[in-house]
């Protein structure tokens, strides 16, 4: 088994925390998995971007843990915007 860097361990821990926090909230787990899969494509050498996403994820986790959080919002480009 490959050894993980400190940052990789932190990201894996954050992922597990997200999954635990989302257990009681329907529809959140697939979205969390998708977000982490998309971010997994980032090059391991792009440490600044990974650290930025890690900090952003920590803030989002705090929002998810809030009992008043019922759904996730997202922004997406429409087909007209991408032209």
PDB file of N, CA and C in Angstrom:
ATOM      1  N   UNK A   1       0.838  -1.177   0.000  1.00  0.00           N
ATOM      2  CA  UNK A   1       0.000   0.000   0.000  1.00  0.00           C
ATOM      3  C   UNK A   1       0.883   1.240   0.000  1.00  0.00           C
ATOM      4  N   UNK A   2       0.541   2.207  -0.809  1.00  0.00           N
ATOM      5  CA  UNK A   2       1.335   3.430  -0.919  1.00  0.00           C
ATOM      6  C   UNK A   2       1.158   4.298   0.320  1.00  0.00           C
ATOM      7  N   UNK A   3       2.234   4.969   0.657  1.00  0.00           N
ATOM      8  CA  UNK A   3       2.154   5.907   1.779  1.00  0.00           C
ATOM      9  C   UNK A   3       1.558   7.216   1.287  1.00  0.00           C
ATOM     10  N   UNK A   4       0.783   7.824   2.143  1.00  0.00           N
ATOM     11  CA  UNK A   4       0.141   9.085   1.782  1.00  0.00           C
ATOM     12  C   UNK A   4       0.860  10.244   2.460  1.00  0.00           C
ATOM     13  N   UNK A   5       0.887  11.381   1.769  1.00  0.00           N
ATOM     14  CA  UNK A   5       1.455  12.592   2.344  1.00  0.00           C
ATOM     15  C   UNK A   5       0.501  13.127   3.414  1.00  0.00           C
ATOM     16  N   UNK A   6       0.972  14.087   4.160  1.00  0.00           N
ATOM     17  CA  UNK A   6       0.142  14.690   5.213  1.00  0.00           C
ATOM     18  C   UNK A   6      -1.109  15.315   4.603  1.00  0.00           C
ATOM     19  N   UNK A   7      -0.928  16.014   3.490  1.00  0.00           N
ATOM     20  CA  UNK A   7      -2.062  16.662   2.839  1.00  0.00           C
ATOM     21  C   UNK A   7      -3.069  15.622   2.327  1.00  0.00           C
ATOM     22  N   UNK A   8      -2.576  14.525   1.766  1.00  0.00           N
ATOM     23  CA  UNK A   8      -3.479  13.467   1.303  1.00  0.00           C
ATOM     24  C   UNK A   8      -4.271  12.880   2.463  1.00  0.00           C
ATOM     25  N   UNK A   9      -3.626  12.680   3.592  1.00  0.00           N
ATOM     26  CA  UNK A   9      -4.318  12.165   4.772  1.00  0.00           C
ATOM     27  C   UNK A   9      -5.383  13.141   5.242  1.00  0.00           C
ATOM     28  N   UNK A  10      -5.075  14.443   5.184  1.00  0.00           N
ATOM     29  CA  UNK A  10      -6.051  15.449   5.596  1.00  0.00           C
ATOM     30  C   UNK A  10      -7.275  15.431   4.672  1.00  0.00           C
ATOM     31  N   UNK A  11      -7.025  15.300   3.371  1.00  0.00           N
ATOM     32  CA  UNK A  11      -8.126  15.278   2.412  1.00  0.00           C
ATOM     33  C   UNK A  11      -8.990  14.028   2.617  1.00  0.00           C
ATOM     34  N   UNK A  12      -8.362  12.878   2.827  1.00  0.00           N
ATOM     35  CA  UNK A  12      -9.122  11.653   3.081  1.00  0.00           C
ATOM     36  C   UNK A  12      -9.942  11.758   4.362  1.00  0.00           C
ATOM     37  N   UNK A  13      -9.372  12.379   5.375  1.00  0.00           N
ATOM     38  CA  UNK A  13     -10.092  12.587   6.625  1.00  0.00           C
ATOM     39  C   UNK A  13     -11.293  13.511   6.403  1.00  0.00           C
ATOM     40  N   UNK A  14     -11.091  14.560   5.622  1.00  0.00           N
ATOM     41  CA  UNK A  14     -12.181  15.486   5.311  1.00  0.00           C
ATOM     42  C   UNK A  14     -13.303  14.754   4.572  1.00  0.00           C
ATOM     43  N   UNK A  15     -12.932  13.895   3.635  1.00  0.00           N
ATOM     44  CA  UNK A  15     -13.918  13.109   2.878  1.00  0.00           C
ATOM     45  C   UNK A  15     -14.746  12.236   3.820  1.00  0.00           C
ATOM     46  N   UNK A  16     -14.072  11.549   4.736  1.00  0.00           N
ATOM     47  CA  UNK A  16     -14.797  10.700   5.700  1.00  0.00           C
ATOM     48  C   UNK A  16     -15.715  11.538   6.590  1.00  0.00           C
ATOM     49  N   UNK A  17     -15.257  12.721   7.001  1.00  0.00           N
ATOM     50  CA  UNK A  17     -16.090  13.599   7.824  1.00  0.00           C
ATOM     51  C   UNK A  17     -17.328  14.048   7.058  1.00  0.00           C
ATOM     52  N   UNK A  18     -17.143  14.362   5.765  1.00  0.00           N
ATOM     53  CA  UNK A  18     -18.285  14.733   4.931  1.00  0.00           C
ATOM     54  C   UNK A  18     -19.299  13.598   4.867  1.00  0.00           C
ATOM     55  N   UNK A  19     -18.817  12.385   4.636  1.00  0.00           N
ATOM     56  CA  UNK A  19     -19.736  11.249   4.530  1.00  0.00           C
ATOM     57  C   UNK A  19     -20.488  11.011   5.834  1.00  0.00           C
ATOM     58  N   UNK A  20     -19.807  11.140   6.954  1.00  0.00           N
ATOM     59  CA  UNK A  20     -20.476  10.973   8.254  1.00  0.00           C
ATOM     60  C   UNK A  20     -21.528  12.055   8.470  1.00  0.00           C
ATOM     61  N   UNK A  21     -21.179  13.299   8.148  1.00  0.00           N
ATOM     62  CA  UNK A  21     -22.106  14.417   8.364  1.00  0.00           C
ATOM     63  C   UNK A  21     -23.323  14.325   7.447  1.00  0.00           C
ATOM     64  N   UNK A  22     -23.169  13.697   6.282  1.00  0.00           N
ATOM     65  CA  UNK A  22     -24.250  13.640   5.297  1.00  0.00           C
ATOM     66  C   UNK A  22     -25.166  12.436   5.470  1.00  0.00           C
ATOM     67  N   UNK A  23     -24.873  11.555   6.397  1.00  0.00           N
ATOM     68  CA  UNK A  23     -25.685  10.346   6.549  1.00  0.00           C
ATOM     69  C   UNK A  23     -27.151  10.644   6.833  1.00  0.00           C
ATOM     70  N   UNK A  24     -27.424  11.695   7.580  1.00  0.00           N
ATOM     71  CA  UNK A  24     -28.805  12.007   7.957  1.00  0.00           C
ATOM     72  C   UNK A  24     -29.487  12.945   6.963  1.00  0.00           C
ATOM     73  N   UNK A  25     -28.781  13.290   5.883  1.00  0.00           N
ATOM     74  CA  UNK A  25     -29.334  14.259   4.938  1.00  0.00           C
ATOM     75  C   UNK A  25     -29.433  13.618   3.557  1.00  0.00           C
ATOM     76  N   UNK A  26     -30.645  13.309   3.132  1.00  0.00           N
ATOM     77  CA  UNK A  26     -30.824  12.589   1.866  1.00  0.00           C
ATOM     78  C   UNK A  26     -30.320  13.387   0.659  1.00  0.00           C
ATOM     79  N   UNK A  27     -29.656  12.676  -0.246  1.00  0.00           N
ATOM     80  CA  UNK A  27     -29.192  13.282  -1.478  1.00  0.00           C
ATOM     81  C   UNK A  27     -27.819  13.919  -1.424  1.00  0.00           C
ATOM     82  N   UNK A  28     -27.233  13.999  -0.248  1.00  0.00           N
ATOM     83  CA  UNK A  28     -25.952  14.678  -0.109  1.00  0.00           C
ATOM     84  C   UNK A  28     -24.769  13.786  -0.484  1.00  0.00           C
ATOM     85  N   UNK A  29     -24.843  12.513  -0.165  1.00  0.00           N
ATOM     86  CA  UNK A  29     -23.686  11.624  -0.353  1.00  0.00           C
ATOM     87  C   UNK A  29     -23.280  11.502  -1.827  1.00  0.00           C
ATOM     88  N   UNK A  30     -24.203  11.316  -2.771  1.00  0.00           N
ATOM     89  CA  UNK A  30     -23.766  11.257  -4.178  1.00  0.00           C
ATOM     90  C   UNK A  30     -23.086  12.551  -4.634  1.00  0.00           C
ATOM     91  N   UNK A  31     -23.599  13.670  -4.183  1.00  0.00           N
ATOM     92  CA  UNK A  31     -23.011  14.972  -4.552  1.00  0.00           C
ATOM     93  C   UNK A  31     -21.609  15.102  -3.988  1.00  0.00           C
ATOM     94  N   UNK A  32     -21.419  14.680  -2.749  1.00  0.00           N
ATOM     95  CA  UNK A  32     -20.102  14.742  -2.111  1.00  0.00           C
ATOM     96  C   UNK A  32     -19.118  13.858  -2.874  1.00  0.00           C
ATOM     97  N   UNK A  33     -19.548  12.652  -3.181  1.00  0.00           N
ATOM     98  CA  UNK A  33     -18.675  11.736  -3.933  1.00  0.00           C
ATOM     99  C   UNK A  33     -18.296  12.322  -5.290  1.00  0.00           C
ATOM    100  N   UNK A  34     -19.262  12.913  -5.973  1.00  0.00           N
ATOM    101  CA  UNK A  34     -18.980  13.516  -7.279  1.00  0.00           C
ATOM    102  C   UNK A  34     -17.966  14.654  -7.165  1.00  0.00           C
ATOM    103  N   UNK A  35     -18.140  15.505  -6.160  1.00  0.00           N
ATOM    104  CA  UNK A  35     -17.216  16.633  -5.977  1.00  0.00           C
ATOM    105  C   UNK A  35     -15.797  16.143  -5.722  1.00  0.00           C
ATOM    106  N   UNK A  36     -15.665  15.134  -4.885  1.00  0.00           N
ATOM    107  CA  UNK A  36     -14.333  14.612  -4.586  1.00  0.00           C
ATOM    108  C   UNK A  36     -13.739  13.910  -5.806  1.00  0.00           C
ATOM    109  N   UNK A  37     -14.558  13.234  -6.595  1.00  0.00           N
ATOM    110  CA  UNK A  37     -14.043  12.574  -7.808  1.00  0.00           C
ATOM    111  C   UNK A  37     -13.526  13.597  -8.812  1.00  0.00           C
ATOM    112  N   UNK A  38     -14.257  14.685  -8.982  1.00  0.00           N
ATOM    113  CA  UNK A  38     -13.821  15.740  -9.898  1.00  0.00           C
ATOM    114  C   UNK A  38     -12.502  16.337  -9.415  1.00  0.00           C
ATOM    115  N   UNK A  39     -12.403  16.574  -8.125  1.00  0.00           N
ATOM    116  CA  UNK A  39     -11.186  17.163  -7.565  1.00  0.00           C
ATOM    117  C   UNK A  39     -10.016  16.184  -7.564  1.00  0.00           C
ATOM    118  N   UNK A  40     -10.298  14.903  -7.626  1.00  0.00           N
ATOM    119  CA  UNK A  40      -9.228  13.900  -7.647  1.00  0.00           C
ATOM    120  C   UNK A  40      -8.399  13.996  -8.920  1.00  0.00           C
ATOM    121  N   UNK A  41      -8.931  14.630  -9.953  1.00  0.00           N
ATOM    122  CA  UNK A  41      -8.218  14.777 -11.218  1.00  0.00           C
ATOM    123  C   UNK A  41      -7.140  15.861 -11.161  1.00  0.00           C
ATOM    124  N   UNK A  42      -7.127  16.642 -10.090  1.00  0.00           N
ATOM    125  CA  UNK A  42      -6.124  17.701  -9.944  1.00  0.00           C
ATOM    126  C   UNK A  42      -4.755  17.064  -9.737  1.00  0.00           C
ATOM    127  N   UNK A  43      -3.761  17.601 -10.393  1.00  0.00           N
ATOM    128  CA  UNK A  43      -2.405  17.064 -10.267  1.00  0.00           C
ATOM    129  C   UNK A  43      -1.925  17.167  -8.827  1.00  0.00           C
ATOM    130  N   UNK A  44      -1.252  16.138  -8.354  1.00  0.00           N
ATOM    131  CA  UNK A  44      -0.734  16.130  -6.981  1.00  0.00           C
ATOM    132  C   UNK A  44       0.284  17.225  -6.746  1.00  0.00           C
ATOM    133  N   UNK A  45       0.897  17.718  -7.806  1.00  0.00           N
ATOM    134  CA  UNK A  45       1.906  18.774  -7.667  1.00  0.00           C
ATOM    135  C   UNK A  45       1.287  20.160  -7.524  1.00  0.00           C
ATOM    136  N   UNK A  46      -0.015  20.280  -7.754  1.00  0.00           N
ATOM    137  CA  UNK A  46      -0.714  21.561  -7.628  1.00  0.00           C
ATOM    138  C   UNK A  46      -1.164  21.762  -6.179  1.00  0.00           C
ATOM    139  N   UNK A  47      -0.201  21.882  -5.295  1.00  0.00           N
ATOM    140  CA  UNK A  47      -0.453  21.910  -3.851  1.00  0.00           C
ATOM    141  C   UNK A  47      -1.288  23.123  -3.439  1.00  0.00           C
ATOM    142  N   UNK A  48      -1.016  24.269  -4.038  1.00  0.00           N
ATOM    143  CA  UNK A  48      -1.775  25.484  -3.671  1.00  0.00           C
ATOM    144  C   UNK A  48      -3.270  25.307  -3.954  1.00  0.00           C
ATOM    145  N   UNK A  49      -3.586  24.746  -5.093  1.00  0.00           N
ATOM    146  CA  UNK A  49      -4.992  24.529  -5.441  1.00  0.00           C
ATOM    147  C   UNK A  49      -5.632  23.500  -4.507  1.00  0.00           C
ATOM    148  N   UNK A  50      -4.903  22.447  -4.206  1.00  0.00           N
ATOM    149  CA  UNK A  50      -5.413  21.416  -3.300  1.00  0.00           C
ATOM    150  C   UNK A  50      -5.654  21.989  -1.915  1.00  0.00           C
ATOM    151  N   UNK A  51      -4.715  22.793  -1.423  1.00  0.00           N
ATOM    152  CA  UNK A  51      -4.888  23.407  -0.100  1.00  0.00           C
ATOM    153  C   UNK A  51      -6.075  24.362  -0.091  1.00  0.00           C
ATOM    154  N   UNK A  52      -6.251  25.114  -1.184  1.00  0.00           N
ATOM    155  CA  UNK A  52      -7.402  26.012  -1.289  1.00  0.00           C
ATOM    156  C   UNK A  52      -8.702  25.211  -1.194  1.00  0.00           C
ATOM    157  N   UNK A  53      -8.791  24.132  -1.984  1.00  0.00           N
ATOM    158  CA  UNK A  53      -9.999  23.303  -1.966  1.00  0.00           C
ATOM    159  C   UNK A  53     -10.213  22.645  -0.608  1.00  0.00           C
ATOM    160  N   UNK A  54      -9.122  22.281   0.056  1.00  0.00           N
ATOM    161  CA  UNK A  54      -9.219  21.683   1.387  1.00  0.00           C
ATOM    162  C   UNK A  54      -9.831  22.675   2.373  1.00  0.00           C
ATOM    163  N   UNK A  55      -9.327  23.908   2.366  1.00  0.00           N
ATOM    164  CA  UNK A  55      -9.875  24.941   3.272  1.00  0.00           C
ATOM    165  C   UNK A  55     -11.337  25.233   2.938  1.00  0.00           C
ATOM    166  N   UNK A  56     -11.641  25.291   1.648  1.00  0.00           N
ATOM    167  CA  UNK A  56     -13.028  25.517   1.227  1.00  0.00           C
ATOM    168  C   UNK A  56     -13.922  24.367   1.695  1.00  0.00           C
ATOM    169  N   UNK A  57     -13.396  23.151   1.581  1.00  0.00           N
ATOM    170  CA  UNK A  57     -14.142  21.984   2.034  1.00  0.00           C
ATOM    171  C   UNK A  57     -14.406  22.010   3.530  1.00  0.00           C
ATOM    172  N   UNK A  58     -13.437  22.482   4.300  1.00  0.00           N
ATOM    173  CA  UNK A  58     -13.638  22.583   5.750  1.00  0.00           C
ATOM    174  C   UNK A  58     -14.775  23.550   6.069  1.00  0.00           C
ATOM    175  N   UNK A  59     -14.824  24.664   5.360  1.00  0.00           N
ATOM    176  CA  UNK A  59     -15.917  25.627   5.584  1.00  0.00           C
ATOM    177  C   UNK A  59     -17.262  25.016   5.191  1.00  0.00           C
ATOM    178  N   UNK A  60     -17.281  24.293   4.068  1.00  0.00           N
ATOM    179  CA  UNK A  60     -18.521  23.663   3.627  1.00  0.00           C
ATOM    180  C   UNK A  60     -18.966  22.566   4.599  1.00  0.00           C
ATOM    181  N   UNK A  61     -18.010  21.876   5.182  1.00  0.00           N
ATOM    182  CA  UNK A  61     -18.344  20.833   6.156  1.00  0.00           C
ATOM    183  C   UNK A  61     -19.035  21.447   7.367  1.00  0.00           C
ATOM    184  N   UNK A  62     -18.547  22.584   7.814  1.00  0.00           N
ATOM    185  CA  UNK A  62     -19.189  23.252   8.957  1.00  0.00           C
ATOM    186  C   UNK A  62     -20.634  23.619   8.619  1.00  0.00           C
ATOM    187  N   UNK A  63     -20.862  24.068   7.394  1.00  0.00           N
ATOM    188  CA  UNK A  63     -22.230  24.384   6.979  1.00  0.00           C
ATOM    189  C   UNK A  63     -23.091  23.124   6.923  1.00  0.00           C
ATOM    190  N   UNK A  64     -22.517  22.041   6.448  1.00  0.00           N
ATOM    191  CA  UNK A  64     -23.250  20.773   6.353  1.00  0.00           C
ATOM    192  C   UNK A  64     -23.619  20.239   7.729  1.00  0.00           C
ATOM    193  N   UNK A  65     -22.747  20.439   8.694  1.00  0.00           N
ATOM    194  CA  UNK A  65     -23.011  19.952  10.047  1.00  0.00           C
ATOM    195  C   UNK A  65     -24.120  20.736  10.737  1.00  0.00           C
ATOM    196  N   UNK A  66     -24.426  21.923  10.243  1.00  0.00           N
ATOM    197  CA  UNK A  66     -25.491  22.743  10.821  1.00  0.00           C
ATOM    198  C   UNK A  66     -26.821  22.003  10.669  1.00  0.00           C
ATOM    199  N   UNK A  67     -27.571  21.902  11.759  1.00  0.00           N
ATOM    200  CA  UNK A  67     -28.837  21.166  11.730  1.00  0.00           C
ATOM    201  C   UNK A  67     -29.861  21.820  10.805  1.00  0.00           C
ATOM    202  N   UNK A  68     -29.699  23.096  10.517  1.00  0.00           N
ATOM    203  CA  UNK A  68     -30.649  23.798   9.650  1.00  0.00           C
ATOM    204  C   UNK A  68     -30.370  23.589   8.161  1.00  0.00           C
ATOM    205  N   UNK A  69     -29.256  22.966   7.826  1.00  0.00           N
ATOM    206  CA  UNK A  69     -28.927  22.726   6.424  1.00  0.00           C
ATOM    207  C   UNK A  69     -29.784  21.579   5.892  1.00  0.00           C
ATOM    208  N   UNK A  70     -30.566  21.901   4.874  1.00  0.00           N
ATOM    209  CA  UNK A  70     -31.483  20.910   4.310  1.00  0.00           C
ATOM    210  C   UNK A  70     -31.107  20.513   2.888  1.00  0.00           C
ATOM    211  N   UNK A  71     -30.405  21.409   2.168  1.00  0.00           N
ATOM    212  CA  UNK A  71     -30.046  21.100   0.791  1.00  0.00           C
ATOM    213  C   UNK A  71     -28.795  21.864   0.389  1.00  0.00           C
ATOM    214  N   UNK A  72     -28.177  21.392  -0.699  1.00  0.00           N
ATOM    215  CA  UNK A  72     -26.973  22.023  -1.227  1.00  0.00           C
ATOM    216  C   UNK A  72     -27.344  22.825  -2.459  1.00  0.00           C
ATOM    217  N   UNK A  73     -26.799  24.006  -2.552  1.00  0.00           N
ATOM    218  CA  UNK A  73     -26.971  24.807  -3.753  1.00  0.00           C
ATOM    219  C   UNK A  73     -25.747  24.643  -4.630  1.00  0.00           C
ATOM    220  N   UNK A  74     -25.921  24.906  -5.907  1.00  0.00           N
ATOM    221  CA  UNK A  74     -24.775  24.827  -6.812  1.00  0.00           C
ATOM    222  C   UNK A  74     -24.982  25.785  -7.967  1.00  0.00           C
ATOM    223  N   UNK A  75     -23.890  26.159  -8.566  1.00  0.00           N
ATOM    224  CA  UNK A  75     -23.918  26.990  -9.748  1.00  0.00           C
ATOM    225  C   UNK A  75     -23.454  26.132 -10.906  1.00  0.00           C
ATOM    226  N   UNK A  76     -24.133  26.223 -11.997  1.00  0.00           N
ATOM    227  CA  UNK A  76     -23.709  25.477 -13.172  1.00  0.00           C
ATOM    228  C   UNK A  76     -23.928  26.348 -14.402  1.00  0.00           C
ATOM    229  N   UNK A  77     -23.111  26.106 -15.399  1.00  0.00           N
ATOM    230  CA  UNK A  77     -23.241  26.855 -16.647  1.00  0.00           C
ATOM    231  C   UNK A  77     -24.372  26.269 -17.471  1.00  0.00           C
ATOM    232  N   UNK A  78     -25.157  27.144 -18.040  1.00  0.00           N
ATOM    233  CA  UNK A  78     -26.169  26.659 -18.977  1.00  0.00           C
ATOM    234  C   UNK A  78     -25.492  26.443 -20.320  1.00  0.00           C
ATOM    235  N   UNK A  79     -26.151  25.759 -21.208  1.00  0.00           N
ATOM    236  CA  UNK A  79     -25.562  25.491 -22.522  1.00  0.00           C
ATOM    237  C   UNK A  79     -25.315  26.787 -23.293  1.00  0.00           C
ATOM    238  N   UNK A  80     -26.149  27.798 -23.048  1.00  0.00           N
ATOM    239  CA  UNK A  80     -25.964  29.089 -23.724  1.00  0.00           C
ATOM    240  C   UNK A  80     -24.715  29.803 -23.229  1.00  0.00           C
ATOM    241  N   UNK A  81     -24.401  29.684 -21.923  1.00  0.00           N
ATOM    242  CA  UNK A  81     -23.245  30.351 -21.344  1.00  0.00           C
ATOM    243  C   UNK A  81     -21.944  29.743 -21.811  1.00  0.00           C
ATOM    244  N   UNK A  82     -21.917  28.473 -22.094  1.00  0.00           N
ATOM    245  CA  UNK A  82     -20.677  27.792 -22.454  1.00  0.00           C
ATOM    246  C   UNK A  82     -20.262  28.034 -23.897  1.00  0.00           C
ATOM    247  N   UNK A  83     -21.132  28.636 -24.702  1.00  0.00           N
ATOM    248  CA  UNK A  83     -20.803  28.904 -26.122  1.00  0.00           C
ATOM    249  C   UNK A  83     -19.864  30.072 -26.255  1.00  0.00           C
TER     250      UNK A  83
END
